[in-house]
Amino acid sequence: MNALNRDRSLLYPLAGGIDLQSIMRQVYIWMCMGLLLTAAVAYLTVNTPLIDLAANPIILLVAVIAEFGLVLGISWGFNRLSSGVAATLFFTYAALNGFTLSMVLLVFSLGSVFAAFVATAALFGAMTIIGYTTKVDLSKMGTFLMMGVIGLLIAMVVNMFISSGPLDMIISIAGVLIFTALTAYDTQRIGRMAAGLGANDGEAAAKLGIFGALRLYLDFINMFLFMLRLFGRRR
């Protein structure tokens, strides 16, 4: 264990005494709270008249646009937002995501949803540990992964019009692989951002915890959705 901690200190030479483990603990706590809120709102939506709103295409589109706005707001406003505002925006996004994802509970069987969640949690856990402990520089993957995400979006839009089964399978496999790699990449990136913090950067560390949670939350949710598309059984 001591050797592992020494390896981490070499990979993340934190300036000014900021504790990497403390920041990563914040990241995972925020992320888990976001996932719990998403699951709770999705369950509430499905089992109340809110499902009628979620099934309305206009309302659903507005909710999705609002989600994009919140993600951009947190990401671009990282240096300007207070940690309290960032946390509020993060939880608002998680709740909205639960509202929009409620349709998943109607389309797929609960057994499929549970199996996909367990498989995603196991894969996510393995990759975030790799990203946290590896001494291999993953930063060069960033450009290729973002190109992969853009290509994935384009392929999904195209497949909306042609409805190709084989293409849908390829998209699902590519989605799982891309967000699996992004999990390791983002974990290492969060650690390296923490490395630039000093002992008096408590507010910045708190915001980094929320920003990191958002990145890993997005990786987890997208991995889960592609896993569900790949192996899920529809009702």
C-alpha atoms as a PDB file:
ATOM      1  CA  MET A   1       0.000   0.000   0.000  1.00  0.00           C
ATOM      2  CA  ASN A   2       2.835   2.405   0.867  1.00  0.00           C
ATOM      3  CA  ALA A   3       4.480   1.667  -2.477  1.00  0.00           C
ATOM      4  CA  LEU A   4       1.196   2.416  -4.252  1.00  0.00           C
ATOM      5  CA  ASN A   5       0.887   5.719  -2.398  1.00  0.00           C
ATOM      6  CA  ARG A   6       4.449   6.621  -3.407  1.00  0.00           C
ATOM      7  CA  ASP A   7       3.593   5.879  -7.042  1.00  0.00           C
ATOM      8  CA  ARG A   8       0.585   8.177  -6.808  1.00  0.00           C
ATOM      9  CA  SER A   9       2.699  10.942  -5.329  1.00  0.00           C
ATOM     10  CA  LEU A  10       5.061  10.670  -8.306  1.00  0.00           C
ATOM     11  CA  LEU A  11       2.155  10.835 -10.766  1.00  0.00           C
ATOM     12  CA  TYR A  12       0.365  13.646  -8.940  1.00  0.00           C
ATOM     13  CA  PRO A  13       3.003  15.860  -7.258  1.00  0.00           C
ATOM     14  CA  LEU A  14       0.464  18.031  -5.418  1.00  0.00           C
ATOM     15  CA  ALA A  15       1.638  21.522  -4.644  1.00  0.00           C
ATOM     16  CA  GLY A  16       1.045  23.162  -1.303  1.00  0.00           C
ATOM     17  CA  GLY A  17      -0.295  20.115   0.506  1.00  0.00           C
ATOM     18  CA  ILE A  18      -3.675  19.617  -1.219  1.00  0.00           C
ATOM     19  CA  ASP A  19      -4.626  15.968  -0.641  1.00  0.00           C
ATOM     20  CA  LEU A  20      -5.459  14.102  -3.851  1.00  0.00           C
ATOM     21  CA  GLN A  21      -7.331  11.375  -1.989  1.00  0.00           C
ATOM     22  CA  SER A  22      -9.532  13.991  -0.326  1.00  0.00           C
ATOM     23  CA  ILE A  23     -10.412  15.596  -3.665  1.00  0.00           C
ATOM     24  CA  MET A  24     -11.122  12.250  -5.330  1.00  0.00           C
ATOM     25  CA  ARG A  25     -13.296  11.282  -2.362  1.00  0.00           C
ATOM     26  CA  GLN A  26     -15.307  14.469  -2.919  1.00  0.00           C
ATOM     27  CA  VAL A  27     -15.593  13.637  -6.631  1.00  0.00           C
ATOM     28  CA  TYR A  28     -17.022  10.176  -5.984  1.00  0.00           C
ATOM     29  CA  ILE A  29     -19.357  11.369  -3.220  1.00  0.00           C
ATOM     30  CA  TRP A  30     -20.807  14.116  -5.450  1.00  0.00           C
ATOM     31  CA  MET A  31     -21.096  11.696  -8.341  1.00  0.00           C
ATOM     32  CA  CYS A  32     -22.903   9.056  -6.268  1.00  0.00           C
ATOM     33  CA  MET A  33     -25.312  11.651  -4.886  1.00  0.00           C
ATOM     34  CA  GLY A  34     -26.019  12.804  -8.443  1.00  0.00           C
ATOM     35  CA  LEU A  35     -26.702   9.230  -9.580  1.00  0.00           C
ATOM     36  CA  LEU A  36     -28.999   8.612  -6.598  1.00  0.00           C
ATOM     37  CA  LEU A  37     -30.927  11.792  -7.363  1.00  0.00           C
ATOM     38  CA  THR A  38     -31.237  10.795 -11.032  1.00  0.00           C
ATOM     39  CA  ALA A  39     -32.544   7.340 -10.097  1.00  0.00           C
ATOM     40  CA  ALA A  40     -34.997   8.791  -7.555  1.00  0.00           C
ATOM     41  CA  VAL A  41     -36.411  11.342 -10.009  1.00  0.00           C
ATOM     42  CA  ALA A  42     -36.688   8.711 -12.771  1.00  0.00           C
ATOM     43  CA  TYR A  43     -38.588   6.381 -10.432  1.00  0.00           C
ATOM     44  CA  LEU A  44     -40.830   9.208  -9.225  1.00  0.00           C
ATOM     45  CA  THR A  45     -41.561  10.313 -12.786  1.00  0.00           C
ATOM     46  CA  VAL A  46     -42.534   6.818 -13.947  1.00  0.00           C
ATOM     47  CA  ASN A  47     -44.864   6.254 -10.995  1.00  0.00           C
ATOM     48  CA  THR A  48     -46.647   9.624 -11.016  1.00  0.00           C
ATOM     49  CA  PRO A  49     -48.489  11.775 -13.581  1.00  0.00           C
ATOM     50  CA  LEU A  50     -45.100  13.356 -14.357  1.00  0.00           C
ATOM     51  CA  ILE A  51     -44.662  10.585 -16.900  1.00  0.00           C
ATOM     52  CA  ASP A  52     -47.230  12.329 -19.088  1.00  0.00           C
ATOM     53  CA  LEU A  53     -44.965  15.378 -19.169  1.00  0.00           C
ATOM     54  CA  ALA A  54     -41.897  13.247 -19.928  1.00  0.00           C
ATOM     55  CA  ALA A  55     -43.772  11.654 -22.822  1.00  0.00           C
ATOM     56  CA  ASN A  56     -44.537  15.063 -24.323  1.00  0.00           C
ATOM     57  CA  PRO A  57     -41.966  15.610 -27.120  1.00  0.00           C
ATOM     58  CA  ILE A  58     -41.871  19.394 -26.654  1.00  0.00           C
ATOM     59  CA  ILE A  59     -41.333  19.231 -22.896  1.00  0.00           C
ATOM     60  CA  LEU A  60     -38.751  16.484 -23.338  1.00  0.00           C
ATOM     61  CA  LEU A  61     -36.878  18.568 -25.922  1.00  0.00           C
ATOM     62  CA  VAL A  62     -36.878  21.603 -23.614  1.00  0.00           C
ATOM     63  CA  ALA A  63     -35.547  19.441 -20.769  1.00  0.00           C
ATOM     64  CA  VAL A  64     -32.752  18.047 -22.967  1.00  0.00           C
ATOM     65  CA  ILE A  65     -31.757  21.542 -24.124  1.00  0.00           C
ATOM     66  CA  ALA A  66     -31.742  22.694 -20.501  1.00  0.00           C
ATOM     67  CA  GLU A  67     -29.443  19.782 -19.637  1.00  0.00           C
ATOM     68  CA  PHE A  68     -26.962  20.808 -22.327  1.00  0.00           C
ATOM     69  CA  GLY A  69     -27.106  24.372 -21.034  1.00  0.00           C
ATOM     70  CA  LEU A  70     -26.385  23.272 -17.466  1.00  0.00           C
ATOM     71  CA  VAL A  71     -23.421  21.115 -18.518  1.00  0.00           C
ATOM     72  CA  LEU A  72     -21.951  23.983 -20.549  1.00  0.00           C
ATOM     73  CA  GLY A  73     -22.635  26.414 -17.707  1.00  0.00           C
ATOM     74  CA  ILE A  74     -20.751  24.297 -15.169  1.00  0.00           C
ATOM     75  CA  SER A  75     -17.880  23.516 -17.560  1.00  0.00           C
ATOM     76  CA  TRP A  76     -17.350  26.998 -18.991  1.00  0.00           C
ATOM     77  CA  GLY A  77     -18.111  28.804 -15.735  1.00  0.00           C
ATOM     78  CA  PHE A  78     -15.773  26.668 -13.646  1.00  0.00           C
ATOM     79  CA  ASN A  79     -13.510  29.585 -12.721  1.00  0.00           C
ATOM     80  CA  ARG A  80     -16.339  32.081 -12.153  1.00  0.00           C
ATOM     81  CA  LEU A  81     -18.971  30.057 -10.294  1.00  0.00           C
ATOM     82  CA  SER A  82     -18.900  29.574  -6.533  1.00  0.00           C
ATOM     83  CA  SER A  83     -18.890  25.997  -5.266  1.00  0.00           C
ATOM     84  CA  GLY A  84     -22.436  26.469  -3.951  1.00  0.00           C
ATOM     85  CA  VAL A  85     -23.774  27.581  -7.332  1.00  0.00           C
ATOM     86  CA  ALA A  86     -21.877  24.794  -9.099  1.00  0.00           C
ATOM     87  CA  ALA A  87     -23.378  22.222  -6.716  1.00  0.00           C
ATOM     88  CA  THR A  88     -26.878  23.607  -7.306  1.00  0.00           C
ATOM     89  CA  LEU A  89     -26.427  23.422 -11.078  1.00  0.00           C
ATOM     90  CA  PHE A  90     -25.051  19.883 -10.822  1.00  0.00           C
ATOM     91  CA  PHE A  91     -28.011  18.627  -8.803  1.00  0.00           C
ATOM     92  CA  THR A  92     -30.430  20.442 -11.097  1.00  0.00           C
ATOM     93  CA  TYR A  93     -28.831  18.662 -14.037  1.00  0.00           C
ATOM     94  CA  ALA A  94     -28.976  15.293 -12.264  1.00  0.00           C
ATOM     95  CA  ALA A  95     -32.677  15.790 -11.492  1.00  0.00           C
ATOM     96  CA  LEU A  96     -33.474  16.846 -15.073  1.00  0.00           C
ATOM     97  CA  ASN A  97     -31.549  13.850 -16.362  1.00  0.00           C
ATOM     98  CA  GLY A  98     -33.660  11.589 -14.167  1.00  0.00           C
ATOM     99  CA  PHE A  99     -36.775  13.152 -15.670  1.00  0.00           C
ATOM    100  CA  THR A 100     -35.624  12.562 -19.255  1.00  0.00           C
ATOM    101  CA  LEU A 101     -34.243   9.077 -18.545  1.00  0.00           C
ATOM    102  CA  SER A 102     -37.547   7.953 -17.031  1.00  0.00           C
ATOM    103  CA  MET A 103     -38.569   6.788 -20.505  1.00  0.00           C
ATOM    104  CA  VAL A 104     -35.798   4.176 -20.283  1.00  0.00           C
ATOM    105  CA  LEU A 105     -37.716   2.459 -17.481  1.00  0.00           C
ATOM    106  CA  LEU A 106     -40.715   2.200 -19.768  1.00  0.00           C
ATOM    107  CA  VAL A 107     -38.826   0.909 -22.813  1.00  0.00           C
ATOM    108  CA  PHE A 108     -36.582  -1.680 -21.129  1.00  0.00           C
ATOM    109  CA  SER A 109     -37.410  -4.356 -18.576  1.00  0.00           C
ATOM    110  CA  LEU A 110     -36.349  -3.680 -14.990  1.00  0.00           C
ATOM    111  CA  GLY A 111     -34.134  -6.763 -15.097  1.00  0.00           C
ATOM    112  CA  SER A 112     -32.268  -5.359 -18.089  1.00  0.00           C
ATOM    113  CA  VAL A 113     -31.895  -1.963 -16.436  1.00  0.00           C
ATOM    114  CA  PHE A 114     -30.501  -3.559 -13.265  1.00  0.00           C
ATOM    115  CA  ALA A 115     -28.117  -5.848 -15.185  1.00  0.00           C
ATOM    116  CA  ALA A 116     -26.845  -2.945 -17.306  1.00  0.00           C
ATOM    117  CA  PHE A 117     -26.336  -0.839 -14.186  1.00  0.00           C
ATOM    118  CA  VAL A 118     -24.333  -3.563 -12.415  1.00  0.00           C
ATOM    119  CA  ALA A 119     -22.196  -4.202 -15.511  1.00  0.00           C
ATOM    120  CA  THR A 120     -21.612  -0.453 -15.944  1.00  0.00           C
ATOM    121  CA  ALA A 121     -20.701  -0.012 -12.277  1.00  0.00           C
ATOM    122  CA  ALA A 122     -18.155  -2.850 -12.481  1.00  0.00           C
ATOM    123  CA  LEU A 123     -16.589  -1.565 -15.709  1.00  0.00           C
ATOM    124  CA  PHE A 124     -16.608   2.045 -14.485  1.00  0.00           C
ATOM    125  CA  GLY A 125     -14.990   1.040 -11.201  1.00  0.00           C
ATOM    126  CA  ALA A 126     -12.224  -0.859 -12.951  1.00  0.00           C
ATOM    127  CA  MET A 127     -11.462   1.965 -15.391  1.00  0.00           C
ATOM    128  CA  THR A 128     -11.493   4.756 -12.826  1.00  0.00           C
ATOM    129  CA  ILE A 129      -9.047   2.748 -10.683  1.00  0.00           C
ATOM    130  CA  ILE A 130      -6.815   2.335 -13.742  1.00  0.00           C
ATOM    131  CA  GLY A 131      -7.025   6.068 -14.444  1.00  0.00           C
ATOM    132  CA  TYR A 132      -6.172   6.845 -10.822  1.00  0.00           C
ATOM    133  CA  THR A 133      -3.224   4.486 -10.452  1.00  0.00           C
ATOM    134  CA  THR A 134      -1.614   4.177 -13.891  1.00  0.00           C
ATOM    135  CA  LYS A 135       1.631   5.999 -14.612  1.00  0.00           C
ATOM    136  CA  VAL A 136       0.884   5.973 -18.348  1.00  0.00           C
ATOM    137  CA  ASP A 137       0.077   9.453 -19.682  1.00  0.00           C
ATOM    138  CA  LEU A 138      -3.486   9.292 -21.016  1.00  0.00           C
ATOM    139  CA  SER A 139      -3.687  12.948 -22.041  1.00  0.00           C
ATOM    140  CA  LYS A 140      -2.899  12.140 -25.678  1.00  0.00           C
ATOM    141  CA  MET A 141      -6.120  10.131 -25.834  1.00  0.00           C
ATOM    142  CA  GLY A 142      -8.253  13.232 -25.275  1.00  0.00           C
ATOM    143  CA  THR A 143      -8.370  14.475 -28.869  1.00  0.00           C
ATOM    144  CA  PHE A 144      -9.123  11.030 -30.291  1.00  0.00           C
ATOM    145  CA  LEU A 145     -11.829  10.372 -27.707  1.00  0.00           C
ATOM    146  CA  MET A 146     -13.558  13.675 -28.437  1.00  0.00           C
ATOM    147  CA  MET A 147     -13.407  12.886 -32.154  1.00  0.00           C
ATOM    148  CA  GLY A 148     -14.958   9.533 -31.294  1.00  0.00           C
ATOM    149  CA  VAL A 149     -17.790  11.198 -29.376  1.00  0.00           C
ATOM    150  CA  ILE A 150     -18.508  13.564 -32.286  1.00  0.00           C
ATOM    151  CA  GLY A 151     -18.456  10.659 -34.731  1.00  0.00           C
ATOM    152  CA  LEU A 152     -20.782   8.738 -32.447  1.00  0.00           C
ATOM    153  CA  LEU A 153     -23.286  11.610 -32.389  1.00  0.00           C
ATOM    154  CA  ILE A 154     -23.199  11.907 -36.178  1.00  0.00           C
ATOM    155  CA  ALA A 155     -23.736   8.154 -36.586  1.00  0.00           C
ATOM    156  CA  MET A 156     -26.676   8.239 -34.157  1.00  0.00           C
ATOM    157  CA  VAL A 157     -28.325  11.097 -36.060  1.00  0.00           C
ATOM    158  CA  VAL A 158     -27.832   9.260 -39.375  1.00  0.00           C
ATOM    159  CA  ASN A 159     -29.261   6.064 -37.916  1.00  0.00           C
ATOM    160  CA  MET A 160     -32.368   7.935 -36.786  1.00  0.00           C
ATOM    161  CA  PHE A 161     -33.261   8.239 -40.471  1.00  0.00           C
ATOM    162  CA  ILE A 162     -32.075   4.894 -41.855  1.00  0.00           C
ATOM    163  CA  SER A 163     -32.858   2.692 -38.794  1.00  0.00           C
ATOM    164  CA  SER A 164     -30.086   0.205 -39.522  1.00  0.00           C
ATOM    165  CA  GLY A 165     -29.829  -2.674 -37.040  1.00  0.00           C
ATOM    166  CA  PRO A 166     -26.157  -3.452 -37.775  1.00  0.00           C
ATOM    167  CA  LEU A 167     -25.240   0.252 -37.503  1.00  0.00           C
ATOM    168  CA  ASP A 168     -27.098   0.469 -34.202  1.00  0.00           C
ATOM    169  CA  MET A 169     -25.049  -2.464 -32.900  1.00  0.00           C
ATOM    170  CA  ILE A 170     -21.805  -0.797 -34.035  1.00  0.00           C
ATOM    171  CA  ILE A 171     -22.851   2.481 -32.392  1.00  0.00           C
ATOM    172  CA  SER A 172     -23.630   0.710 -29.112  1.00  0.00           C
ATOM    173  CA  ILE A 173     -20.298  -1.147 -29.042  1.00  0.00           C
ATOM    174  CA  ALA A 174     -18.372   2.012 -29.972  1.00  0.00           C
ATOM    175  CA  GLY A 175     -20.247   3.981 -27.294  1.00  0.00           C
ATOM    176  CA  VAL A 176     -19.321   1.512 -24.560  1.00  0.00           C
ATOM    177  CA  LEU A 177     -15.658   1.496 -25.655  1.00  0.00           C
ATOM    178  CA  ILE A 178     -15.386   5.286 -25.968  1.00  0.00           C
ATOM    179  CA  PHE A 179     -16.920   6.074 -22.579  1.00  0.00           C
ATOM    180  CA  THR A 180     -14.961   3.269 -20.946  1.00  0.00           C
ATOM    181  CA  ALA A 181     -11.758   4.939 -22.160  1.00  0.00           C
ATOM    182  CA  LEU A 182     -13.085   8.383 -21.200  1.00  0.00           C
ATOM    183  CA  THR A 183     -13.588   7.180 -17.625  1.00  0.00           C
ATOM    184  CA  ALA A 184      -9.881   6.427 -17.230  1.00  0.00           C
ATOM    185  CA  TYR A 185      -8.906   9.601 -19.108  1.00  0.00           C
ATOM    186  CA  ASP A 186     -11.158  11.877 -17.028  1.00  0.00           C
ATOM    187  CA  THR A 187     -10.034  10.289 -13.748  1.00  0.00           C
ATOM    188  CA  GLN A 188      -6.401  11.005 -14.561  1.00  0.00           C
ATOM    189  CA  ARG A 189      -7.283  14.496 -15.796  1.00  0.00           C
ATOM    190  CA  ILE A 190      -9.029  15.316 -12.507  1.00  0.00           C
ATOM    191  CA  GLY A 191      -5.950  14.182 -10.615  1.00  0.00           C
ATOM    192  CA  ARG A 192      -3.695  16.382 -12.720  1.00  0.00           C
ATOM    193  CA  MET A 193      -5.981  19.382 -12.265  1.00  0.00           C
ATOM    194  CA  ALA A 194      -5.759  18.781  -8.523  1.00  0.00           C
ATOM    195  CA  ALA A 195      -1.973  18.789  -8.823  1.00  0.00           C
ATOM    196  CA  GLY A 196      -2.053  22.502  -9.667  1.00  0.00           C
ATOM    197  CA  LEU A 197      -3.879  23.484  -6.481  1.00  0.00           C
ATOM    198  CA  GLY A 198      -2.155  25.051  -3.504  1.00  0.00           C
ATOM    199  CA  ALA A 199      -2.847  24.732   0.212  1.00  0.00           C
ATOM    200  CA  ASN A 200      -5.070  27.847   0.202  1.00  0.00           C
ATOM    201  CA  ASP A 201      -7.181  26.768  -2.781  1.00  0.00           C
ATOM    202  CA  GLY A 202     -10.009  25.275  -0.731  1.00  0.00           C
ATOM    203  CA  GLU A 203     -12.752  26.847  -2.865  1.00  0.00           C
ATOM    204  CA  ALA A 204     -11.057  25.699  -6.066  1.00  0.00           C
ATOM    205  CA  ALA A 205     -10.717  22.185  -4.623  1.00  0.00           C
ATOM    206  CA  ALA A 206     -14.445  22.155  -3.770  1.00  0.00           C
ATOM    207  CA  LYS A 207     -15.339  23.259  -7.315  1.00  0.00           C
ATOM    208  CA  LEU A 208     -12.987  20.676  -8.772  1.00  0.00           C
ATOM    209  CA  GLY A 209     -14.815  18.020  -6.768  1.00  0.00           C
ATOM    210  CA  ILE A 210     -18.102  19.049  -8.406  1.00  0.00           C
ATOM    211  CA  PHE A 211     -16.604  19.467 -11.885  1.00  0.00           C
ATOM    212  CA  GLY A 212     -14.909  16.075 -11.634  1.00  0.00           C
ATOM    213  CA  ALA A 213     -18.143  14.504 -10.425  1.00  0.00           C
ATOM    214  CA  LEU A 214     -19.959  15.906 -13.453  1.00  0.00           C
ATOM    215  CA  ARG A 215     -17.380  14.485 -15.866  1.00  0.00           C
ATOM    216  CA  LEU A 216     -17.454  11.021 -14.326  1.00  0.00           C
ATOM    217  CA  TYR A 217     -21.249  11.167 -13.952  1.00  0.00           C
ATOM    218  CA  LEU A 218     -21.550  11.811 -17.704  1.00  0.00           C
ATOM    219  CA  ASP A 219     -19.154   8.947 -18.448  1.00  0.00           C
ATOM    220  CA  PHE A 220     -21.160   6.586 -16.233  1.00  0.00           C
ATOM    221  CA  ILE A 221     -24.574   7.565 -17.603  1.00  0.00           C
ATOM    222  CA  ASN A 222     -23.488   7.323 -21.225  1.00  0.00           C
ATOM    223  CA  MET A 223     -21.734   4.005 -20.654  1.00  0.00           C
ATOM    224  CA  PHE A 224     -24.906   2.720 -18.961  1.00  0.00           C
ATOM    225  CA  LEU A 225     -27.156   3.847 -21.825  1.00  0.00           C
ATOM    226  CA  PHE A 226     -24.966   2.254 -24.499  1.00  0.00           C
ATOM    227  CA  MET A 227     -24.692  -0.908 -22.422  1.00  0.00           C
ATOM    228  CA  LEU A 228     -28.485  -0.976 -22.191  1.00  0.00           C
ATOM    229  CA  ARG A 229     -28.838  -0.463 -25.962  1.00  0.00           C
ATOM    230  CA  LEU A 230     -26.413  -3.341 -26.504  1.00  0.00           C
ATOM    231  CA  PHE A 231     -27.755  -5.948 -24.087  1.00  0.00           C
ATOM    232  CA  GLY A 232     -31.089  -4.627 -22.809  1.00  0.00           C
ATOM    233  CA  ARG A 233     -34.362  -6.456 -23.375  1.00  0.00           C
ATOM    234  CA  ARG A 234     -37.203  -4.230 -24.458  1.00  0.00           C
ATOM    235  CA  ARG A 235     -40.643  -4.572 -22.959  1.00  0.00           C
END
